[in-house]
C-alpha atoms as a PDB file:
ATOM      1  CA  MET A   1       1.463 -18.277   7.610  1.00  0.00           C
ATOM      2  CA  ARG A   2       4.981 -17.717   9.017  1.00  0.00           C
ATOM      3  CA  LEU A   3       6.543 -14.320   7.248  1.00  0.00           C
ATOM      4  CA  THR A   4       9.776 -12.527   7.820  1.00  0.00           C
ATOM      5  CA  TRP A   5       9.662  -8.853   7.142  1.00  0.00           C
ATOM      6  CA  ALA A   6      11.310  -5.950   7.122  1.00  0.00           C
ATOM      7  CA  VAL A   7      10.246  -1.882   6.562  1.00  0.00           C
ATOM      8  CA  ARG A   8      12.204   1.184   5.758  1.00  0.00           C
ATOM      9  CA  THR A   9      10.831   4.718   4.874  1.00  0.00           C
ATOM     10  CA  ASP A  10      12.796   8.050   3.921  1.00  0.00           C
ATOM     11  CA  PRO A  11      11.381  11.513   2.831  1.00  0.00           C
ATOM     12  CA  GLY A  12      13.591  11.707  -0.409  1.00  0.00           C
ATOM     13  CA  LEU A  13      15.902  14.398  -1.361  1.00  0.00           C
ATOM     14  CA  ARG A  14      13.297  16.953  -2.574  1.00  0.00           C
ATOM     15  CA  ARG A  15      10.959  16.806   0.491  1.00  0.00           C
ATOM     16  CA  THR A  16      11.069  18.457   3.804  1.00  0.00           C
ATOM     17  CA  SER A  17       8.560  16.004   5.377  1.00  0.00           C
ATOM     18  CA  ASN A  18       7.518  12.689   4.952  1.00  0.00           C
ATOM     19  CA  GLU A  19       3.957  11.900   4.462  1.00  0.00           C
ATOM     20  CA  ASP A  20       4.083   8.164   3.984  1.00  0.00           C
ATOM     21  CA  SER A  21       2.925   6.136   7.182  1.00  0.00           C
ATOM     22  CA  TYR A  22       2.977   2.155   7.449  1.00  0.00           C
ATOM     23  CA  CYS A  23       2.068  -0.561   9.689  1.00  0.00           C
ATOM     24  CA  SER A  24       3.869  -3.903  10.825  1.00  0.00           C
ATOM     25  CA  ARG A  25       1.875  -6.313  12.981  1.00  0.00           C
ATOM     26  CA  PRO A  26       2.714  -9.743  12.288  1.00  0.00           C
ATOM     27  CA  ASP A  27       0.578 -10.302  15.497  1.00  0.00           C
ATOM     28  CA  LEU A  28      -2.297  -9.379  13.484  1.00  0.00           C
ATOM     29  CA  GLY A  29      -0.890 -10.775  10.023  1.00  0.00           C
ATOM     30  CA  LEU A  30      -1.385  -7.000   8.850  1.00  0.00           C
ATOM     31  CA  PHE A  31       1.139  -5.020   6.872  1.00  0.00           C
ATOM     32  CA  MET A  32       0.528  -1.762   4.977  1.00  0.00           C
ATOM     33  CA  VAL A  33       1.905   1.276   3.229  1.00  0.00           C
ATOM     34  CA  ALA A  34      -0.395   4.475   2.746  1.00  0.00           C
ATOM     35  CA  ASP A  35       1.126   7.800   1.249  1.00  0.00           C
ATOM     36  CA  GLY A  36      -0.654  11.186   1.994  1.00  0.00           C
ATOM     37  CA  MET A  37      -1.333  14.023  -0.229  1.00  0.00           C
ATOM     38  CA  GLY A  38      -2.982  17.525   0.542  1.00  0.00           C
ATOM     39  CA  GLY A  39       0.355  19.037   1.314  1.00  0.00           C
ATOM     40  CA  HIS A  40       2.505  19.422   4.495  1.00  0.00           C
ATOM     41  CA  VAL A  41       0.619  18.346   7.650  1.00  0.00           C
ATOM     42  CA  ALA A  42      -2.538  17.230   6.281  1.00  0.00           C
ATOM     43  CA  GLY A  43      -1.140  14.425   4.221  1.00  0.00           C
ATOM     44  CA  GLU A  44       0.583  13.050   7.164  1.00  0.00           C
ATOM     45  CA  VAL A  45      -2.296  13.476   8.970  1.00  0.00           C
ATOM     46  CA  ALA A  46      -4.526  11.354   6.514  1.00  0.00           C
ATOM     47  CA  SER A  47      -1.902   8.457   6.072  1.00  0.00           C
ATOM     48  CA  ARG A  48      -1.618   8.110   9.607  1.00  0.00           C
ATOM     49  CA  MET A  49      -5.280   8.262  10.210  1.00  0.00           C
ATOM     50  CA  ALA A  50      -5.905   5.050   7.683  1.00  0.00           C
ATOM     51  CA  VAL A  51      -3.042   3.215   8.907  1.00  0.00           C
ATOM     52  CA  GLU A  52      -4.261   3.510  12.694  1.00  0.00           C
ATOM     53  CA  ALA A  53      -7.996   3.145  11.785  1.00  0.00           C
ATOM     54  CA  ILE A  54      -7.348   0.191   9.697  1.00  0.00           C
ATOM     55  CA  GLU A  55      -4.985  -1.398  12.310  1.00  0.00           C
ATOM     56  CA  ASN A  56      -7.458  -0.922  14.816  1.00  0.00           C
ATOM     57  CA  PHE A  57     -10.277  -2.342  13.114  1.00  0.00           C
ATOM     58  CA  ILE A  58      -8.136  -5.404  11.924  1.00  0.00           C
ATOM     59  CA  GLY A  59      -7.160  -5.801  15.908  1.00  0.00           C
ATOM     60  CA  GLU A  60     -10.756  -5.461  17.181  1.00  0.00           C
ATOM     61  CA  THR A  61     -12.195  -8.051  14.436  1.00  0.00           C
ATOM     62  CA  ALA A  62      -9.439 -10.723  15.154  1.00  0.00           C
ATOM     63  CA  ALA A  63     -11.814 -13.096  16.842  1.00  0.00           C
ATOM     64  CA  ALA A  64     -14.493 -12.376  14.747  1.00  0.00           C
ATOM     65  CA  ASP A  65     -16.671 -14.718  12.335  1.00  0.00           C
ATOM     66  CA  ARG A  66     -19.385 -14.060   9.467  1.00  0.00           C
ATOM     67  CA  ASN A  67     -22.106 -13.949  11.938  1.00  0.00           C
ATOM     68  CA  ARG A  68     -20.769 -10.679  13.798  1.00  0.00           C
ATOM     69  CA  THR A  69     -22.748  -7.332  12.892  1.00  0.00           C
ATOM     70  CA  TRP A  70     -20.392  -5.538  10.347  1.00  0.00           C
ATOM     71  CA  PRO A  71     -20.530  -1.879   9.689  1.00  0.00           C
ATOM     72  CA  PHE A  72     -20.881  -2.645   6.261  1.00  0.00           C
ATOM     73  CA  PRO A  73     -22.425  -5.202   3.746  1.00  0.00           C
ATOM     74  CA  PHE A  74     -20.704  -8.540   4.073  1.00  0.00           C
ATOM     75  CA  GLU A  75     -19.564  -9.823   0.459  1.00  0.00           C
ATOM     76  CA  PRO A  76     -20.032 -13.784   0.645  1.00  0.00           C
ATOM     77  CA  ALA A  77     -17.839 -13.858  -2.356  1.00  0.00           C
ATOM     78  CA  PHE A  78     -14.830 -13.227  -0.490  1.00  0.00           C
ATOM     79  CA  SER A  79     -13.367 -14.781   2.543  1.00  0.00           C
ATOM     80  CA  LEU A  80     -13.377 -13.255   6.227  1.00  0.00           C
ATOM     81  CA  GLU A  81      -9.881 -11.483   6.032  1.00  0.00           C
ATOM     82  CA  ALA A  82     -11.053  -9.739   3.050  1.00  0.00           C
ATOM     83  CA  ASN A  83     -14.317  -8.348   4.216  1.00  0.00           C
ATOM     84  CA  ARG A  84     -12.421  -7.322   7.239  1.00  0.00           C
ATOM     85  CA  LEU A  85      -9.672  -5.395   4.946  1.00  0.00           C
ATOM     86  CA  LYS A  86     -12.586  -3.882   3.044  1.00  0.00           C
ATOM     87  CA  ALA A  87     -14.671  -2.733   5.744  1.00  0.00           C
ATOM     88  CA  ALA A  88     -11.951  -1.269   7.760  1.00  0.00           C
ATOM     89  CA  PHE A  89     -10.762   0.752   4.346  1.00  0.00           C
ATOM     90  CA  ARG A  90     -14.369   2.247   4.317  1.00  0.00           C
ATOM     91  CA  LEU A  91     -14.138   3.099   8.062  1.00  0.00           C
ATOM     92  CA  ALA A  92     -10.722   4.657   7.656  1.00  0.00           C
ATOM     93  CA  ASN A  93     -12.506   6.865   4.892  1.00  0.00           C
ATOM     94  CA  HIS A  94     -15.572   7.674   7.177  1.00  0.00           C
ATOM     95  CA  GLN A  95     -12.817   8.912   9.703  1.00  0.00           C
ATOM     96  CA  ILE A  96     -11.068  11.244   7.413  1.00  0.00           C
ATOM     97  CA  ALA A  97     -14.197  12.673   6.377  1.00  0.00           C
ATOM     98  CA  ALA A  98     -15.009  13.450  10.212  1.00  0.00           C
ATOM     99  CA  ALA A  99     -11.399  14.867  10.605  1.00  0.00           C
ATOM    100  CA  ILE A 100     -12.182  17.144   7.614  1.00  0.00           C
ATOM    101  CA  ALA A 101     -15.656  18.044   8.969  1.00  0.00           C
ATOM    102  CA  ASP A 102     -14.031  19.217  12.424  1.00  0.00           C
ATOM    103  CA  ALA A 103     -10.869  21.380  11.101  1.00  0.00           C
ATOM    104  CA  ALA A 104     -10.875  23.380   7.777  1.00  0.00           C
ATOM    105  CA  ASP A 105      -6.857  23.422   7.437  1.00  0.00           C
ATOM    106  CA  LEU A 106      -7.099  19.123   6.753  1.00  0.00           C
ATOM    107  CA  ARG A 107      -9.725  19.794   3.411  1.00  0.00           C
ATOM    108  CA  GLY A 108      -8.235  18.390   0.628  1.00  0.00           C
ATOM    109  CA  MET A 109      -6.360  15.550   2.605  1.00  0.00           C
ATOM    110  CA  ALA A 110      -6.132  12.169   1.308  1.00  0.00           C
ATOM    111  CA  THR A 111      -4.295   8.930   1.277  1.00  0.00           C
ATOM    112  CA  THR A 112      -3.627   6.410  -0.853  1.00  0.00           C
ATOM    113  CA  ALA A 113      -3.375   2.602   1.070  1.00  0.00           C
ATOM    114  CA  SER A 114      -1.983  -0.927   0.316  1.00  0.00           C
ATOM    115  CA  ALA A 115      -2.419  -3.396   2.788  1.00  0.00           C
ATOM    116  CA  PHE A 116      -1.672  -7.015   3.016  1.00  0.00           C
ATOM    117  CA  LEU A 117      -3.702  -9.328   5.271  1.00  0.00           C
ATOM    118  CA  ALA A 118      -2.302 -13.072   6.066  1.00  0.00           C
ATOM    119  CA  GLY A 119      -4.908 -15.723   7.014  1.00  0.00           C
ATOM    120  CA  PRO A 120      -4.413 -18.967   7.946  1.00  0.00           C
ATOM    121  CA  ASN A 121      -3.603 -20.843   4.690  1.00  0.00           C
ATOM    122  CA  HIS A 122      -3.934 -17.655   2.458  1.00  0.00           C
ATOM    123  CA  ALA A 123      -3.720 -13.847   2.091  1.00  0.00           C
ATOM    124  CA  SER A 124      -5.773 -10.968   1.386  1.00  0.00           C
ATOM    125  CA  ILE A 125      -4.459  -7.342  -0.672  1.00  0.00           C
ATOM    126  CA  ALA A 126      -6.866  -4.201  -0.502  1.00  0.00           C
ATOM    127  CA  HIS A 127      -5.496  -1.335  -2.630  1.00  0.00           C
ATOM    128  CA  VAL A 128      -6.913   2.559  -3.027  1.00  0.00           C
ATOM    129  CA  GLY A 129      -4.418   4.841  -4.920  1.00  0.00           C
ATOM    130  CA  ASP A 130      -1.475   4.314  -6.439  1.00  0.00           C
ATOM    131  CA  SER A 131       0.890   2.908  -3.983  1.00  0.00           C
ATOM    132  CA  ARG A 132       1.640  -0.882  -5.030  1.00  0.00           C
ATOM    133  CA  VAL A 133       2.084  -4.658  -4.018  1.00  0.00           C
ATOM    134  CA  TYR A 134       4.202  -6.741  -6.130  1.00  0.00           C
ATOM    135  CA  VAL A 135       5.013 -10.240  -5.429  1.00  0.00           C
ATOM    136  CA  LEU A 136       8.348 -12.190  -6.631  1.00  0.00           C
ATOM    137  CA  ARG A 137       7.791 -15.924  -7.069  1.00  0.00           C
ATOM    138  CA  LYS A 138      10.455 -17.799  -8.618  1.00  0.00           C
ATOM    139  CA  ASP A 139      12.675 -14.698  -9.681  1.00  0.00           C
ATOM    140  CA  ASP A 140       9.597 -13.107 -11.458  1.00  0.00           C
ATOM    141  CA  LEU A 141       8.216 -10.279 -10.256  1.00  0.00           C
ATOM    142  CA  HIS A 142       4.382  -9.361 -10.820  1.00  0.00           C
ATOM    143  CA  GLN A 143       2.758  -6.397  -9.972  1.00  0.00           C
ATOM    144  CA  ILE A 144      -0.512  -7.428  -7.965  1.00  0.00           C
ATOM    145  CA  THR A 145      -2.635  -4.478  -7.319  1.00  0.00           C
ATOM    146  CA  ASN A 146      -3.510  -2.007 -10.463  1.00  0.00           C
ATOM    147  CA  ASP A 147      -2.433   1.846  -9.892  1.00  0.00           C
ATOM    148  CA  HIS A 148      -5.671   3.942  -9.575  1.00  0.00           C
ATOM    149  CA  SER A 149      -3.562   6.902 -11.435  1.00  0.00           C
ATOM    150  CA  TRP A 150      -4.318   8.976 -14.403  1.00  0.00           C
ATOM    151  CA  VAL A 151      -0.667   7.892 -16.172  1.00  0.00           C
ATOM    152  CA  GLU A 152      -1.567   4.090 -15.273  1.00  0.00           C
ATOM    153  CA  GLU A 153      -5.073   4.296 -16.780  1.00  0.00           C
ATOM    154  CA  GLN A 154      -3.234   5.675 -19.757  1.00  0.00           C
ATOM    155  CA  VAL A 155      -0.591   2.939 -20.021  1.00  0.00           C
ATOM    156  CA  ARG A 156      -3.236   0.210 -19.719  1.00  0.00           C
ATOM    157  CA  ALA A 157      -5.405   1.727 -22.704  1.00  0.00           C
ATOM    158  CA  GLY A 158      -1.909   1.751 -24.767  1.00  0.00           C
ATOM    159  CA  ALA A 159      -2.009   5.727 -24.908  1.00  0.00           C
ATOM    160  CA  LEU A 160       1.467   5.770 -22.890  1.00  0.00           C
ATOM    161  CA  THR A 161       4.458   3.660 -22.363  1.00  0.00           C
ATOM    162  CA  PRO A 162       5.506   2.723 -18.835  1.00  0.00           C
ATOM    163  CA  SER A 163       8.748   4.839 -19.284  1.00  0.00           C
ATOM    164  CA  ALA A 164       6.858   7.994 -20.607  1.00  0.00           C
ATOM    165  CA  ALA A 165       4.444   7.558 -17.489  1.00  0.00           C
ATOM    166  CA  ARG A 166       7.468   7.867 -15.136  1.00  0.00           C
ATOM    167  CA  GLN A 167       8.296  11.152 -16.729  1.00  0.00           C
ATOM    168  CA  HIS A 168       4.915  12.624 -17.214  1.00  0.00           C
ATOM    169  CA  PRO A 169       3.752  16.028 -15.491  1.00  0.00           C
ATOM    170  CA  TRP A 170       0.674  14.136 -14.294  1.00  0.00           C
ATOM    171  CA  ARG A 171       2.030  11.079 -12.713  1.00  0.00           C
ATOM    172  CA  ASN A 172       1.104  12.182  -9.246  1.00  0.00           C
ATOM    173  CA  VAL A 173      -2.752  12.479 -10.258  1.00  0.00           C
ATOM    174  CA  VAL A 174      -4.460   9.645  -8.628  1.00  0.00           C
ATOM    175  CA  THR A 175      -8.230   8.686  -9.525  1.00  0.00           C
ATOM    176  CA  ARG A 176      -8.946   6.965  -6.190  1.00  0.00           C
ATOM    177  CA  ALA A 177      -8.357   7.662  -2.892  1.00  0.00           C
ATOM    178  CA  LEU A 178      -9.327   7.553   1.025  1.00  0.00           C
ATOM    179  CA  SER A 179     -10.434  11.343   0.989  1.00  0.00           C
ATOM    180  CA  GLY A 180     -13.532  11.484   3.067  1.00  0.00           C
ATOM    181  CA  GLY A 181     -15.915  11.416   0.176  1.00  0.00           C
ATOM    182  CA  GLU A 182     -18.185   8.417  -0.988  1.00  0.00           C
ATOM    183  CA  ASP A 183     -16.941   5.062  -0.146  1.00  0.00           C
ATOM    184  CA  PRO A 184     -14.109   4.356  -2.463  1.00  0.00           C
ATOM    185  CA  GLU A 185     -14.401   1.220  -4.455  1.00  0.00           C
ATOM    186  CA  VAL A 186     -11.572  -0.704  -2.694  1.00  0.00           C
ATOM    187  CA  ASP A 187      -9.648  -3.342  -4.961  1.00  0.00           C
ATOM    188  CA  VAL A 188      -9.321  -7.031  -3.197  1.00  0.00           C
ATOM    189  CA  VAL A 189      -7.223  -9.495  -4.503  1.00  0.00           C
ATOM    190  CA  GLU A 190      -7.047 -12.808  -2.633  1.00  0.00           C
ATOM    191  CA  LEU A 191      -4.072 -15.486  -3.224  1.00  0.00           C
ATOM    192  CA  ASN A 192      -2.211 -18.583  -1.789  1.00  0.00           C
ATOM    193  CA  PRO A 193       1.393 -17.682  -1.033  1.00  0.00           C
ATOM    194  CA  THR A 194       3.909 -20.426  -1.344  1.00  0.00           C
ATOM    195  CA  ALA A 195       7.312 -20.812   0.757  1.00  0.00           C
ATOM    196  CA  GLY A 196       9.732 -18.477  -0.512  1.00  0.00           C
ATOM    197  CA  ASP A 197       7.260 -15.709  -2.357  1.00  0.00           C
ATOM    198  CA  ARG A 198       8.555 -12.220  -1.640  1.00  0.00           C
ATOM    199  CA  PHE A 199       6.109  -9.421  -1.406  1.00  0.00           C
ATOM    200  CA  LEU A 200       6.764  -5.791  -1.602  1.00  0.00           C
ATOM    201  CA  LEU A 201       4.516  -3.023  -0.642  1.00  0.00           C
ATOM    202  CA  CYS A 202       5.583   0.447  -1.905  1.00  0.00           C
ATOM    203  CA  SER A 203       4.604   4.259  -2.298  1.00  0.00           C
ATOM    204  CA  ASP A 204       4.846   5.763  -5.728  1.00  0.00           C
ATOM    205  CA  GLY A 205       8.232   7.266  -4.681  1.00  0.00           C
ATOM    206  CA  LEU A 206       9.978   4.092  -5.648  1.00  0.00           C
ATOM    207  CA  PHE A 207       8.569   2.985  -8.857  1.00  0.00           C
ATOM    208  CA  THR A 208       8.306   6.331 -10.554  1.00  0.00           C
ATOM    209  CA  VAL A 209      11.646   6.712 -10.346  1.00  0.00           C
ATOM    210  CA  VAL A 210      13.152   2.782 -10.034  1.00  0.00           C
ATOM    211  CA  PRO A 211      12.657   0.709 -13.258  1.00  0.00           C
ATOM    212  CA  HIS A 212      10.651  -2.636 -12.769  1.00  0.00           C
ATOM    213  CA  GLU A 213      13.972  -4.899 -13.710  1.00  0.00           C
ATOM    214  CA  GLU A 214      15.847  -3.252 -10.945  1.00  0.00           C
ATOM    215  CA  ILE A 215      13.233  -3.451  -8.540  1.00  0.00           C
ATOM    216  CA  ALA A 216      12.935  -7.353  -9.245  1.00  0.00           C
ATOM    217  CA  ALA A 217      16.710  -7.752  -8.844  1.00  0.00           C
ATOM    218  CA  GLN A 218      16.989  -6.026  -5.620  1.00  0.00           C
ATOM    219  CA  LEU A 219      14.131  -7.974  -4.345  1.00  0.00           C
ATOM    220  CA  GLY A 220      15.487 -11.348  -5.705  1.00  0.00           C
ATOM    221  CA  ARG A 221      18.485 -10.880  -3.777  1.00  0.00           C
ATOM    222  CA  ARG A 222      18.715 -13.678  -1.289  1.00  0.00           C
ATOM    223  CA  ASP A 223      22.237 -13.174   0.164  1.00  0.00           C
ATOM    224  CA  VAL A 224      21.403 -10.204   2.043  1.00  0.00           C
ATOM    225  CA  PRO A 225      19.027  -9.397   5.038  1.00  0.00           C
ATOM    226  CA  LEU A 226      15.322  -8.082   3.869  1.00  0.00           C
ATOM    227  CA  GLU A 227      16.272  -4.607   5.934  1.00  0.00           C
ATOM    228  CA  GLU A 228      19.338  -4.322   3.447  1.00  0.00           C
ATOM    229  CA  ILE A 229      16.975  -4.984   0.564  1.00  0.00           C
ATOM    230  CA  CYS A 230      14.626  -2.061   1.742  1.00  0.00           C
ATOM    231  CA  ALA A 231      17.313   0.233   2.148  1.00  0.00           C
ATOM    232  CA  ARG A 232      18.937  -0.724  -1.424  1.00  0.00           C
ATOM    233  CA  LEU A 233      15.471   0.226  -3.012  1.00  0.00           C
ATOM    234  CA  ILE A 234      15.566   3.216  -1.347  1.00  0.00           C
ATOM    235  CA  ALA A 235      18.740   4.155  -2.020  1.00  0.00           C
ATOM    236  CA  ALA A 236      18.049   3.578  -5.725  1.00  0.00           C
ATOM    237  CA  ALA A 237      14.840   5.815  -5.633  1.00  0.00           C
ATOM    238  CA  ASN A 238      17.344   8.635  -4.307  1.00  0.00           C
ATOM    239  CA  ALA A 239      20.133   7.981  -6.777  1.00  0.00           C
ATOM    240  CA  GLY A 240      17.452   8.609  -9.289  1.00  0.00           C
ATOM    241  CA  GLY A 241      16.807  12.184  -7.948  1.00  0.00           C
ATOM    242  CA  GLY A 242      15.011  10.995  -4.888  1.00  0.00           C
ATOM    243  CA  PRO A 243      11.582  13.292  -6.005  1.00  0.00           C
ATOM    244  CA  ASP A 244       9.085  11.883  -3.381  1.00  0.00           C
ATOM    245  CA  ASN A 245       9.022  10.179  -0.350  1.00  0.00           C
ATOM    246  CA  VAL A 246       9.224   6.481  -0.488  1.00  0.00           C
ATOM    247  CA  THR A 247       8.460   3.336   1.673  1.00  0.00           C
ATOM    248  CA  THR A 248       9.480  -0.307   0.952  1.00  0.00           C
ATOM    249  CA  LEU A 249       8.021  -3.213   3.103  1.00  0.00           C
ATOM    250  CA  VAL A 250       9.215  -6.390   2.533  1.00  0.00           C
ATOM    251  CA  LEU A 251       7.714  -9.874   3.564  1.00  0.00           C
ATOM    252  CA  GLN A 252       9.019 -13.168   2.926  1.00  0.00           C
ATOM    253  CA  VAL A 253       6.592 -16.210   2.947  1.00  0.00           C
ATOM    254  CA  ASP A 254       8.678 -19.024   5.264  1.00  0.00           C
ATOM    255  CA  VAL A 255       5.979 -21.217   5.804  1.00  0.00           C
ATOM    256  CA  PRO A 256       2.743 -20.706   3.871  1.00  0.00           C
END
């Protein structure tokens, strides 16, 4: 699968540090966004640790097959790529647990993580937390991942509207993360991209401020480079107050 990509991250207008981390490894087919939690330093540590652990595991297993010894149970229902991603997420959670055990000042740190792994003819997406993965196909923007957050659970239950969720004081409360506790449930989606598809991986600093329609409009711009699309999305978030760190990673499928 041949991909074109661009990424940009920004602290926003109200934060003095950036707790987001990302990975862009076209040689591995791996792209990822993580949003750290736990305050200054700790959040940065958690997101960076998750990205590094997942990137390293995907690199180490690039030539693996289903017969290797896996650190976690291999799930036959999923592809090899999906199993690699799930194992990588769980390994990252274990490494965060070890770091917390070694340093009291890191207690309470956690991170979201959303990753895209390209296989020979398909892609796998793994997700924990409230960072998102979208796909734009033929100008139709679809959210692939479901937020593991209190407000999004209320939206799905019909108790909150999407616009009310963007303003709710609990909008930053996540219900699932890589936090060093018990192995989290990792959502996995497998799909078959087509030429022209665009994927957006982003932290919640974007979509809690910028409406779905504006994200779709910017992502659908075919007259500007992907780098400019990333910049415009971040500018839109900052124009809306820039209350949080924001990371935008855009992938375009050139050949499926």
